Amino acid sequence: QSGPENVQVIYTNGYATNIRERLRLSAEEEGSGIDKFELFFKEAPLYEGGDCGTFSAWQSLGFVGTDYSHLLSHGKCYQYRAKAYNGAGLVSFSLLR
């Protein structure tokens, strides 16, 4: 048996420049189905000109539903990844977004 496939973090409002980033999590699983998602983020300072500084370590936002709204801090860059768990307890990570 293997873990979920095609785990994705999708920006549903584009790359946010406002106060909230709206995210949708998805994965494919044959058999036991998707049980839950855990969402992670890291942040960095946003410099003039749009460059990002050094990113922090990954921080968990906990177990979330398939749609999530993350409150952003002004002057920061964000990256996200998700962990999908299937009904058998197997885990797969999304690619960095």
Protein backbone atom coordinates (compact mmCIF):
# COMPACT_ATOMS: atom_id res chain seq x y z
CA GLN A 1 0.00 0.00 0.00
CA SER A 2 1.07 3.55 -0.61
CA GLY A 3 0.05 6.96 0.66
CA PRO A 4 -2.22 9.47 -1.08
CA GLU A 5 -1.16 10.75 -4.49
CA ASN A 6 -1.17 14.21 -6.11
CA VAL A 7 -1.35 16.08 -2.79
CA GLN A 8 -1.81 19.77 -3.67
CA VAL A 9 -2.10 23.18 -2.07
CA ILE A 10 -4.06 25.45 -4.42
CA TYR A 11 -4.30 29.23 -4.03
CA THR A 12 -7.99 29.94 -4.66
CA ASN A 13 -7.60 33.75 -4.57
CA GLY A 14 -4.30 33.83 -6.46
CA TYR A 15 -1.20 34.84 -4.56
CA ALA A 16 -2.72 37.04 -1.90
CA THR A 17 -1.72 40.62 -1.42
CA ASN A 18 -4.54 41.20 1.05
CA ILE A 19 -5.06 40.04 4.62
CA ARG A 20 -6.04 36.39 4.00
CA GLU A 21 -4.71 33.63 1.77
CA ARG A 22 -7.43 31.23 0.71
CA LEU A 23 -6.15 27.71 0.17
CA ARG A 24 -7.71 24.48 -1.06
CA LEU A 25 -6.13 21.13 -0.24
CA SER A 26 -6.64 18.10 -2.43
CA ALA A 27 -5.30 14.58 -2.86
CA GLU A 28 -6.19 11.39 -4.67
CA GLU A 29 -6.61 8.09 -2.88
CA GLU A 30 -7.91 4.78 -4.13
CA GLY A 31 -9.24 2.47 -1.48
CA SER A 32 -9.31 3.86 2.04
CA GLY A 33 -9.93 7.52 1.07
CA ILE A 34 -8.45 10.72 2.49
CA ASP A 35 -8.86 10.91 6.25
CA LYS A 36 -7.36 14.34 7.03
CA PHE A 37 -4.92 17.07 5.99
CA GLU A 38 -2.26 18.82 8.04
CA LEU A 39 -1.18 22.22 6.71
CA PHE A 40 2.28 23.76 7.19
CA PHE A 41 3.69 27.20 6.41
CA LYS A 42 6.92 29.12 6.62
CA GLU A 43 7.42 32.86 6.32
CA ALA A 44 10.12 35.34 5.40
CA PRO A 45 10.44 39.12 5.32
CA LEU A 46 9.23 40.76 2.11
CA TYR A 47 11.69 43.35 0.80
CA GLU A 48 11.08 46.34 -1.44
CA GLY A 49 11.06 45.16 -5.02
CA GLY A 50 9.23 41.95 -4.10
CA ASP A 51 12.14 39.73 -3.03
CA CYS A 52 11.74 37.41 -0.04
CA GLY A 53 14.33 37.03 2.70
CA THR A 54 15.33 33.82 4.45
CA PHE A 55 12.38 31.59 5.30
CA SER A 56 11.68 30.34 8.83
CA ALA A 57 11.38 26.67 9.72
CA TRP A 58 8.10 24.91 8.85
CA GLN A 59 5.27 25.55 11.32
CA SER A 60 2.10 23.48 11.54
CA LEU A 61 -1.31 25.11 11.28
CA GLY A 62 -2.76 21.82 12.53
CA PHE A 63 -5.34 19.56 10.94
CA VAL A 64 -7.59 21.51 8.60
CA GLY A 65 -10.44 20.92 6.18
CA THR A 66 -10.06 21.02 2.42
CA ASP A 67 -10.66 24.80 2.40
CA TYR A 68 -8.58 27.01 4.68
CA SER A 69 -8.12 30.75 5.12
CA HIS A 70 -4.75 31.82 6.58
CA LEU A 71 -4.40 35.23 8.23
CA LEU A 72 -1.32 36.96 6.79
CA SER A 73 1.07 39.43 8.37
CA HIS A 74 1.97 42.59 6.44
CA GLY A 75 5.44 42.59 4.91
CA LYS A 76 5.87 38.79 4.83
CA CYS A 77 6.25 36.11 2.15
CA TYR A 78 4.66 32.70 2.73
CA GLN A 79 5.16 29.15 1.49
CA TYR A 80 2.82 26.24 2.16
CA ARG A 81 2.80 22.48 2.03
CA ALA A 82 0.28 19.89 3.15
CA LYS A 83 0.42 16.40 4.52
CA ALA A 84 -2.44 14.08 3.49
CA TYR A 85 -3.37 11.05 5.59
CA ASN A 86 -5.40 8.20 4.16
CA GLY A 87 -7.76 5.93 6.09
CA ALA A 88 -4.98 3.36 6.54
CA GLY A 89 -2.74 5.95 8.25
CA LEU A 90 -0.31 6.34 5.35
CA VAL A 91 1.01 9.85 4.68
CA SER A 92 2.17 11.85 1.64
CA PHE A 93 3.44 15.46 1.37
CA SER A 94 2.52 17.99 -1.29
CA LEU A 95 5.16 19.80 -3.27
CA LEU A 96 6.26 23.17 -1.96
CA ARG A 97 3.89 26.01 -3.01
